[in-house]
């Protein structure tokens, strides 16, 4: 008994009943148009006539109009929003956004017609049946009602027989609840089929997820390259300055001053880059496009440094880093310039971490159709201690190169560690 009561009047059943009433309310404009049309054709008085022929004729005319209205782009988002809230079907089984393609539009039209058509019938019964059932149940207690047309119609004008009106009225209300629950269950069963994602929707969702993952990976690379390089460069410069100062009274103060200047420049630049990346993260949390950089002057720096900041980067990496540029870097596209800067930055970070203070050479060759970045440093006599989980620097360099259609190779060769990145122009 309790299970039946929950099925008919539980929270889910009440939500679905409300969903049907919403459908009936949405059907009203179409029914009014149908009433005018059918009333004019039958000469039955139009919108406010009590003729059942006009009422059901208006219903029949309104259904095709509902199907046509469902072809508009707003129909599916509106239907999905209502169904998610009230149908009791898992939210991930619905499609997002307007229907794309004839098949998806046809399914949306089918759902919209089913929802509004069934909702109109259930709403009409909800408005009309409870007052009638209450009037029937009041027959045993009201002689005036028993003698009225209602009592005579039902044969309940005799006092002893009128008590049959009580179960009859309750059965009417129970039948209404059962009809609403059954219709709501039918709509919930059809909702994923008619409002669920089509193959095109699944493909678009997969592309969105891939774009979001790439955006997160890009931000992770930006943070890793920028902050990792800054920490490595600052550690290297601070260590060199300390060793010079430990030399005593003959310490090379010019070298110490240069190291401190490099630390200042590196940290200032990194703070700006960190602010830019955190700004992108905030945009992503607020629904913005995290893959697009903020414009310069809009409260922060532009989309990261490029090759124009390369000399400052190399200078901050220490005096044992040599930069050689072959060709003109001016025509290099902005995206390539930013990624090349990050590649060099991560290569220098990797060298500072593993080269053991050996000299590092950086060569940028822009003279051919294939743009090349190469970095070399002698292998240290004592291999560096490997980190427990490995590093992400070389992996990030490879990802950046592949995004630009290029390749990245790194490894020991002829007594040196060599990193070579080739990117088509």
Protein backbone atom coordinates (compact mmCIF):
# COMPACT_ATOMS: atom_id res chain seq x y z
CA UNK A 1 0.00 0.00 0.00
CA UNK A 2 2.78 2.38 0.90
CA UNK A 3 4.61 1.66 -2.34
CA UNK A 4 1.47 2.40 -4.31
CA UNK A 5 1.00 5.67 -2.43
CA UNK A 6 4.61 6.69 -3.13
CA UNK A 7 4.24 5.75 -6.81
CA UNK A 8 1.10 7.87 -7.14
CA UNK A 9 1.81 10.80 -4.84
CA UNK A 10 5.54 10.63 -3.96
CA UNK A 11 7.96 13.43 -4.69
CA UNK A 12 8.97 12.08 -8.09
CA UNK A 13 5.34 11.56 -9.10
CA UNK A 14 4.45 15.09 -7.99
CA UNK A 15 7.35 16.55 -9.96
CA UNK A 16 6.29 14.69 -13.08
CA UNK A 17 2.70 15.85 -12.57
CA UNK A 18 3.97 19.42 -12.35
CA UNK A 19 5.98 18.80 -15.53
CA UNK A 20 2.77 17.79 -17.31
CA UNK A 21 0.94 20.86 -16.01
CA UNK A 22 3.78 23.02 -17.38
CA UNK A 23 3.26 21.30 -20.74
CA UNK A 24 -0.46 22.05 -20.55
CA UNK A 25 0.24 25.71 -19.83
CA UNK A 26 2.57 25.89 -22.83
CA UNK A 27 -0.13 24.30 -24.98
CA UNK A 28 -2.67 27.03 -24.21
CA UNK A 29 -1.66 29.49 -27.00
CA UNK A 30 -1.84 26.70 -29.59
CA UNK A 31 -5.22 25.59 -28.25
CA UNK A 32 -6.56 29.14 -28.48
CA UNK A 33 -5.48 29.39 -32.12
CA UNK A 34 -7.14 26.02 -32.80
CA UNK A 35 -10.34 27.15 -31.04
CA UNK A 36 -10.58 30.21 -33.24
CA UNK A 37 -9.98 28.17 -36.39
CA UNK A 38 -12.36 25.31 -35.54
CA UNK A 39 -15.01 27.67 -34.12
CA UNK A 40 -14.95 29.70 -37.31
CA UNK A 41 -15.22 26.58 -39.48
CA UNK A 42 -18.07 25.08 -37.47
CA UNK A 43 -19.79 28.35 -36.65
CA UNK A 44 -19.84 27.28 -33.00
CA UNK A 45 -19.00 30.56 -31.31
CA UNK A 46 -15.20 30.50 -31.29
CA UNK A 47 -12.88 30.52 -28.30
CA UNK A 48 -15.27 30.41 -25.35
CA UNK A 49 -17.75 27.84 -26.60
CA UNK A 50 -18.53 24.84 -24.42
CA UNK A 51 -18.86 22.45 -27.34
CA UNK A 52 -16.71 19.34 -26.89
CA UNK A 53 -16.34 19.07 -30.67
CA UNK A 54 -14.76 22.52 -30.77
CA UNK A 55 -12.55 21.77 -27.74
CA UNK A 56 -11.14 18.53 -29.13
CA UNK A 57 -11.00 19.97 -32.63
CA UNK A 58 -8.88 22.84 -31.28
CA UNK A 59 -6.67 20.25 -29.55
CA UNK A 60 -6.20 18.39 -32.84
CA UNK A 61 -5.32 21.63 -34.68
CA UNK A 62 -2.92 22.70 -31.94
CA UNK A 63 -0.74 19.58 -32.03
CA UNK A 64 0.73 20.19 -35.53
CA UNK A 65 1.38 23.79 -34.56
CA UNK A 66 3.33 22.53 -31.53
CA UNK A 67 5.44 20.29 -33.78
CA UNK A 68 6.26 23.25 -36.03
CA UNK A 69 7.18 25.44 -33.07
CA UNK A 70 9.56 22.72 -31.83
CA UNK A 71 11.75 23.28 -34.88
CA UNK A 72 12.97 26.60 -33.46
CA UNK A 73 16.41 26.41 -31.78
CA UNK A 74 15.13 27.33 -28.30
CA UNK A 75 12.76 24.36 -28.11
CA UNK A 76 15.28 21.70 -27.10
CA UNK A 77 17.19 23.73 -24.46
CA UNK A 78 13.88 24.73 -22.87
CA UNK A 79 12.57 21.16 -22.96
CA UNK A 80 15.80 19.76 -21.54
CA UNK A 81 15.83 22.29 -18.70
CA UNK A 82 12.28 21.38 -17.67
CA UNK A 83 12.86 17.63 -18.04
CA UNK A 84 16.11 17.71 -16.05
CA UNK A 85 14.37 19.46 -13.17
CA UNK A 86 11.13 17.49 -13.10
CA UNK A 87 11.29 14.17 -14.95
CA UNK A 88 13.54 12.30 -12.52
CA UNK A 89 15.95 11.11 -15.24
CA UNK A 90 19.75 11.44 -14.74
CA UNK A 91 20.90 14.80 -16.08
CA UNK A 92 23.75 13.34 -18.14
CA UNK A 93 21.29 11.50 -20.40
CA UNK A 94 20.13 14.75 -22.02
CA UNK A 95 21.74 16.69 -24.85
CA UNK A 96 22.82 20.29 -24.42
CA UNK A 97 22.20 23.15 -26.81
CA UNK A 98 19.88 23.47 -29.83
CA UNK A 99 19.17 20.43 -31.96
CA UNK A 100 21.58 19.99 -34.86
CA UNK A 101 20.48 18.12 -37.97
CA UNK A 102 17.10 16.90 -39.24
CA UNK A 103 17.01 13.75 -37.06
CA UNK A 104 17.65 15.67 -33.84
CA UNK A 105 15.06 18.29 -34.79
CA UNK A 106 12.50 15.59 -35.54
CA UNK A 107 13.12 13.94 -32.15
CA UNK A 108 12.77 17.31 -30.44
CA UNK A 109 9.50 17.94 -32.27
CA UNK A 110 8.25 14.51 -31.18
CA UNK A 111 9.10 15.23 -27.55
CA UNK A 112 7.63 18.72 -27.58
CA UNK A 113 4.39 17.45 -29.12
CA UNK A 114 4.19 14.54 -26.67
CA UNK A 115 4.90 16.76 -23.66
CA UNK A 116 2.45 19.50 -24.55
CA UNK A 117 -0.22 17.15 -25.89
CA UNK A 118 -0.19 14.85 -22.86
CA UNK A 119 0.22 17.85 -20.56
CA UNK A 120 -2.88 19.50 -21.99
CA UNK A 121 -5.01 16.41 -21.29
CA UNK A 122 -3.64 15.89 -17.77
CA UNK A 123 -3.91 19.60 -16.97
CA UNK A 124 -7.50 19.71 -18.18
CA UNK A 125 -8.36 16.70 -16.04
CA UNK A 126 -6.52 18.22 -13.07
CA UNK A 127 -8.57 21.39 -13.34
CA UNK A 128 -11.94 19.75 -13.95
CA UNK A 129 -11.98 16.41 -12.12
CA UNK A 130 -11.15 17.34 -8.47
CA UNK A 131 -14.04 19.87 -8.12
CA UNK A 132 -16.42 17.39 -9.74
CA UNK A 133 -15.22 14.54 -7.48
CA UNK A 134 -15.61 16.70 -4.38
CA UNK A 135 -19.13 17.64 -5.47
CA UNK A 136 -19.99 13.96 -5.94
CA UNK A 137 -18.59 13.06 -2.50
CA UNK A 138 -20.70 15.84 -0.97
CA UNK A 139 -23.98 14.30 -2.23
CA UNK A 140 -24.70 12.26 0.95
CA UNK A 141 -24.40 15.37 3.08
CA UNK A 142 -26.43 17.82 0.96
CA UNK A 143 -30.11 17.28 0.10
CA UNK A 144 -29.90 20.18 -2.32
CA UNK A 145 -27.12 18.45 -4.25
CA UNK A 146 -29.02 15.14 -4.29
CA UNK A 147 -32.03 16.86 -5.80
CA UNK A 148 -29.92 18.75 -8.31
CA UNK A 149 -29.21 17.66 -11.85
CA UNK A 150 -25.95 16.10 -10.65
CA UNK A 151 -27.75 13.80 -8.18
CA UNK A 152 -30.44 12.79 -10.65
CA UNK A 153 -27.82 12.22 -13.37
CA UNK A 154 -25.99 9.74 -11.20
CA UNK A 155 -29.12 8.23 -9.72
CA UNK A 156 -28.04 9.31 -6.27
CA UNK A 157 -31.08 11.33 -5.30
CA UNK A 158 -32.09 8.71 -2.70
CA UNK A 159 -30.41 9.25 0.70
CA UNK A 160 -29.47 5.59 1.28
CA UNK A 161 -28.01 5.22 -2.24
CA UNK A 162 -26.15 8.54 -2.18
CA UNK A 163 -23.47 7.09 0.09
CA UNK A 164 -22.09 5.30 -2.95
CA UNK A 165 -20.92 8.72 -4.10
CA UNK A 166 -18.10 8.69 -1.51
CA UNK A 167 -16.12 5.77 -3.00
CA UNK A 168 -17.03 6.95 -6.50
CA UNK A 169 -15.44 10.37 -5.86
CA UNK A 170 -12.37 8.82 -4.26
CA UNK A 171 -11.97 6.49 -7.25
CA UNK A 172 -12.10 9.51 -9.55
CA UNK A 173 -9.27 11.22 -7.66
CA UNK A 174 -7.29 7.98 -7.54
CA UNK A 175 -7.77 7.50 -11.28
CA UNK A 176 -6.54 11.04 -11.89
CA UNK A 177 -3.41 10.45 -9.81
CA UNK A 178 -2.79 7.14 -11.58
CA UNK A 179 -3.23 8.73 -15.00
CA UNK A 180 -0.83 11.54 -14.10
CA UNK A 181 1.75 9.11 -12.67
CA UNK A 182 1.50 6.80 -15.68
CA UNK A 183 1.76 9.64 -18.17
CA UNK A 184 4.71 11.11 -16.26
CA UNK A 185 6.45 7.73 -16.27
CA UNK A 186 5.86 7.43 -20.01
CA UNK A 187 7.45 10.83 -20.62
CA UNK A 188 10.39 9.95 -18.35
CA UNK A 189 10.89 6.76 -20.36
CA UNK A 190 10.90 8.63 -23.67
CA UNK A 191 12.92 11.64 -22.53
CA UNK A 192 16.43 10.15 -23.02
CA UNK A 193 15.42 8.76 -26.42
CA UNK A 194 13.94 12.01 -27.72
CA UNK A 195 16.07 14.57 -25.86
CA UNK A 196 19.25 12.51 -25.57
CA UNK A 197 22.42 13.31 -27.52
CA UNK A 198 22.66 12.41 -31.17
CA UNK A 199 25.96 11.23 -32.73
CA UNK A 200 26.63 14.86 -33.70
CA UNK A 201 25.97 15.97 -30.11
CA UNK A 202 28.31 13.28 -28.76
CA UNK A 203 31.01 14.34 -31.19
CA UNK A 204 30.59 18.00 -30.21
CA UNK A 205 30.74 17.05 -26.50
CA UNK A 206 33.89 15.02 -27.10
CA UNK A 207 35.45 17.95 -28.91
CA UNK A 208 34.54 20.27 -26.02
CA UNK A 209 36.07 17.87 -23.51
CA UNK A 210 39.21 17.58 -25.63
CA UNK A 211 39.44 21.37 -25.88
CA UNK A 212 38.98 21.73 -22.12
CA UNK A 213 41.63 19.08 -21.47
CA UNK A 214 44.02 20.79 -23.86
CA UNK A 215 43.33 24.11 -22.16
CA UNK A 216 44.13 22.62 -18.76
CA UNK A 217 47.25 20.95 -20.13
CA UNK A 218 48.37 24.23 -21.67
CA UNK A 219 47.93 26.09 -18.40
CA UNK A 220 49.81 23.33 -16.58
CA UNK A 221 52.67 23.65 -19.08
CA UNK A 222 52.71 27.42 -18.67
CA UNK A 223 52.92 27.14 -14.88
CA UNK A 224 55.51 24.40 -15.01
CA UNK A 225 57.74 26.16 -17.51
CA UNK A 226 57.48 29.63 -16.01
CA UNK A 227 57.69 28.84 -12.31
CA UNK A 228 60.06 25.89 -12.74
CA UNK A 229 62.49 27.93 -14.80
CA UNK A 230 62.34 30.86 -12.38
CA UNK A 231 63.08 28.66 -9.37
CA UNK A 232 65.95 26.90 -11.15
CA UNK A 233 67.45 30.17 -12.42
CA UNK A 234 67.13 31.91 -9.06
CA UNK A 235 68.68 28.91 -7.28
CA UNK A 236 71.56 28.84 -9.74
CA UNK A 237 72.26 32.57 -9.53
CA UNK A 238 71.92 32.69 -5.74
CA UNK A 239 74.26 29.71 -5.37
CA UNK A 240 76.86 31.32 -7.63
CA UNK A 241 76.66 34.62 -5.74
CA UNK A 242 77.05 32.82 -2.41
CA UNK A 243 80.11 30.94 -3.61
CA UNK A 244 81.68 34.22 -4.79
CA UNK A 245 80.97 35.92 -1.47
CA UNK A 246 82.43 32.95 0.38
CA UNK A 247 85.70 33.73 -1.39
CA UNK A 248 86.44 36.45 1.16
CA UNK A 249 87.71 40.03 0.73
CA UNK A 250 88.63 39.52 -2.92
CA UNK A 251 85.11 38.61 -3.92
CA UNK A 252 83.96 39.75 -7.35
CA UNK A 253 81.21 42.16 -6.28
CA UNK A 254 80.37 42.96 -9.91
CA UNK A 255 79.50 39.31 -10.47
CA UNK A 256 77.38 39.26 -7.31
CA UNK A 257 75.62 42.44 -8.42
CA UNK A 258 74.93 40.89 -11.85
CA UNK A 259 73.56 37.72 -10.24
CA UNK A 260 71.24 39.70 -7.97
CA UNK A 261 70.05 41.76 -10.95
CA UNK A 262 69.31 38.55 -12.86
CA UNK A 263 67.36 37.22 -9.85
CA UNK A 264 65.35 40.46 -9.69
CA UNK A 265 64.55 40.38 -13.43
CA UNK A 266 63.62 36.70 -13.35
CA UNK A 267 61.29 37.00 -10.38
CA UNK A 268 59.64 40.17 -11.73
CA UNK A 269 59.02 38.53 -15.11
CA UNK A 270 57.74 35.34 -13.50
CA UNK A 271 55.31 37.22 -11.25
CA UNK A 272 53.83 38.83 -14.37
CA UNK A 273 53.55 35.48 -16.14
CA UNK A 274 52.03 33.86 -13.06
CA UNK A 275 49.44 36.64 -12.86
CA UNK A 276 48.57 36.06 -16.51
CA UNK A 277 48.13 32.29 -16.03
CA UNK A 278 46.05 32.74 -12.86
CA UNK A 279 43.90 35.23 -14.78
CA UNK A 280 43.23 32.53 -17.37
CA UNK A 281 42.29 30.11 -14.60
CA UNK A 282 39.84 32.61 -13.16
CA UNK A 283 38.32 33.13 -16.60
CA UNK A 284 37.96 29.36 -16.95
CA UNK A 285 36.17 29.08 -13.58
CA UNK A 286 33.79 31.88 -14.61
CA UNK A 287 32.95 30.23 -17.93
CA UNK A 288 35.40 32.19 -20.08
CA UNK A 289 37.61 30.80 -22.78
CA UNK A 290 40.73 29.79 -20.91
CA UNK A 291 42.57 29.05 -24.14
CA UNK A 292 42.41 32.70 -25.23
CA UNK A 293 44.76 35.18 -23.64
CA UNK A 294 43.64 38.45 -22.22
CA UNK A 295 44.43 41.50 -24.24
CA UNK A 296 47.27 43.68 -23.10
CA UNK A 297 46.15 46.53 -20.89
CA UNK A 298 43.04 44.71 -19.65
CA UNK A 299 44.31 44.41 -16.13
CA UNK A 300 47.37 42.27 -16.77
CA UNK A 301 50.07 41.34 -19.25
CA UNK A 302 49.42 40.03 -22.71
CA UNK A 303 49.58 36.38 -23.83
CA UNK A 304 53.00 35.53 -22.39
CA UNK A 305 56.52 36.46 -23.48
CA UNK A 306 57.94 35.71 -26.91
CA UNK A 307 61.29 35.67 -28.65
CA UNK A 308 61.75 39.38 -27.99
CA UNK A 309 62.31 38.45 -24.33
CA UNK A 310 64.78 35.68 -25.13
CA UNK A 311 67.93 37.63 -24.34
CA UNK A 312 66.59 38.54 -20.90
CA UNK A 313 65.74 34.88 -20.35
CA UNK A 314 69.23 33.73 -21.29
CA UNK A 315 70.86 36.47 -19.21
CA UNK A 316 68.86 35.39 -16.19
CA UNK A 317 69.98 31.78 -16.67
CA UNK A 318 73.57 32.69 -15.81
CA UNK A 319 76.86 33.61 -17.47
CA UNK A 320 77.54 30.09 -18.77
CA UNK A 321 74.67 30.16 -21.24
CA UNK A 322 75.47 31.27 -24.80
CA UNK A 323 72.77 32.26 -27.30
CA UNK A 324 73.27 32.13 -31.07
CA UNK A 325 70.58 33.32 -33.49
CA UNK A 326 70.80 32.62 -37.23
CA UNK A 327 68.33 34.37 -39.49
CA UNK A 328 65.65 36.99 -38.93
CA UNK A 329 63.22 36.34 -36.09
CA UNK A 330 60.96 39.30 -36.89
CA UNK A 331 58.56 37.46 -39.24
CA UNK A 332 58.04 34.57 -36.80
CA UNK A 333 54.29 34.26 -36.01
CA UNK A 334 53.21 35.25 -32.51
CA UNK A 335 52.06 31.75 -31.53
CA UNK A 336 55.35 30.23 -32.68
CA UNK A 337 57.30 32.97 -30.91
CA UNK A 338 55.55 32.23 -27.59
CA UNK A 339 55.99 28.49 -27.87
CA UNK A 340 59.63 28.85 -28.90
CA UNK A 341 60.27 31.01 -25.84
CA UNK A 342 58.71 28.34 -23.61
CA UNK A 343 60.72 25.59 -25.28
CA UNK A 344 63.97 27.45 -24.67
CA UNK A 345 62.88 28.29 -21.14
CA UNK A 346 62.17 24.67 -20.28
CA UNK A 347 65.39 23.54 -21.98
CA UNK A 348 67.37 25.94 -19.81
CA UNK A 349 65.49 24.74 -16.72
CA UNK A 350 66.35 21.16 -17.62
CA UNK A 351 70.02 22.09 -18.15
CA UNK A 352 70.20 23.99 -14.85
CA UNK A 353 68.75 21.01 -13.04
CA UNK A 354 70.86 18.29 -14.66
CA UNK A 355 73.97 19.81 -16.28
CA UNK A 356 75.79 20.41 -13.02
CA UNK A 357 76.94 23.92 -13.91
CA UNK A 358 78.34 22.95 -17.34
CA UNK A 359 78.19 25.54 -20.18
CA UNK A 360 74.98 25.54 -22.21
CA UNK A 361 74.66 26.63 -25.84
CA UNK A 362 71.34 27.69 -27.35
CA UNK A 363 71.06 27.96 -31.15
CA UNK A 364 68.01 29.29 -33.02
CA UNK A 365 68.15 28.74 -36.78
CA UNK A 366 65.45 30.60 -38.74
CA UNK A 367 67.12 30.44 -42.15
CA UNK A 368 65.26 27.43 -43.58
CA UNK A 369 61.64 26.43 -44.01
CA UNK A 370 61.98 24.23 -40.94
CA UNK A 371 62.65 26.37 -37.89
CA UNK A 372 65.12 24.70 -35.51
CA UNK A 373 65.92 25.16 -31.85
CA UNK A 374 68.88 23.22 -30.49
CA UNK A 375 70.45 23.19 -27.03
CA UNK A 376 73.59 21.38 -25.90
CA UNK A 377 75.51 20.96 -22.69
CA UNK A 378 78.29 18.53 -21.74
CA UNK A 379 77.19 15.55 -19.73
CA UNK A 380 78.18 16.02 -16.06
CA UNK A 381 80.76 13.70 -14.55
CA UNK A 382 78.28 12.66 -11.85
CA UNK A 383 74.76 11.90 -13.07
CA UNK A 384 72.11 14.01 -11.29
CA UNK A 385 69.75 12.39 -8.80
CA UNK A 386 66.51 11.50 -10.56
CA UNK A 387 63.25 12.77 -9.11
CA UNK A 388 60.91 10.05 -7.77
CA UNK A 389 58.11 10.67 -10.26
CA UNK A 390 60.26 11.88 -13.14
CA UNK A 391 60.03 15.29 -14.77
CA UNK A 392 57.47 16.87 -17.06
CA UNK A 393 59.73 19.33 -18.84
CA UNK A 394 60.79 17.25 -21.85
CA UNK A 395 57.26 15.89 -22.15
CA UNK A 396 55.92 19.45 -22.24
CA UNK A 397 58.48 20.41 -24.91
CA UNK A 398 57.32 17.49 -27.02
CA UNK A 399 53.67 18.48 -26.61
CA UNK A 400 54.40 22.06 -27.64
CA UNK A 401 56.31 20.89 -30.69
CA UNK A 402 53.56 18.51 -31.77
CA UNK A 403 50.90 21.20 -31.39
CA UNK A 404 52.84 23.23 -33.96
CA UNK A 405 53.25 20.25 -36.28
CA UNK A 406 56.91 19.72 -35.38
CA UNK A 407 59.12 17.21 -33.62
CA UNK A 408 61.31 17.17 -30.52
CA UNK A 409 64.27 14.90 -29.79
CA UNK A 410 66.35 14.81 -26.63
CA UNK A 411 69.08 12.55 -25.30
CA UNK A 412 72.82 11.99 -24.89
CA UNK A 413 74.96 11.99 -28.03
CA UNK A 414 78.76 12.21 -28.41
CA UNK A 415 79.36 13.17 -24.79
CA UNK A 416 76.76 15.95 -24.70
CA UNK A 417 73.09 16.23 -23.90
CA UNK A 418 71.30 17.52 -26.98
CA UNK A 419 67.77 18.83 -27.38
CA UNK A 420 66.61 19.50 -30.93
CA UNK A 421 63.17 20.89 -31.80
CA UNK A 422 62.11 21.33 -35.42
CA UNK A 423 58.97 23.25 -36.30
CA UNK A 424 57.62 23.94 -39.81
CA UNK A 425 57.20 27.64 -40.55
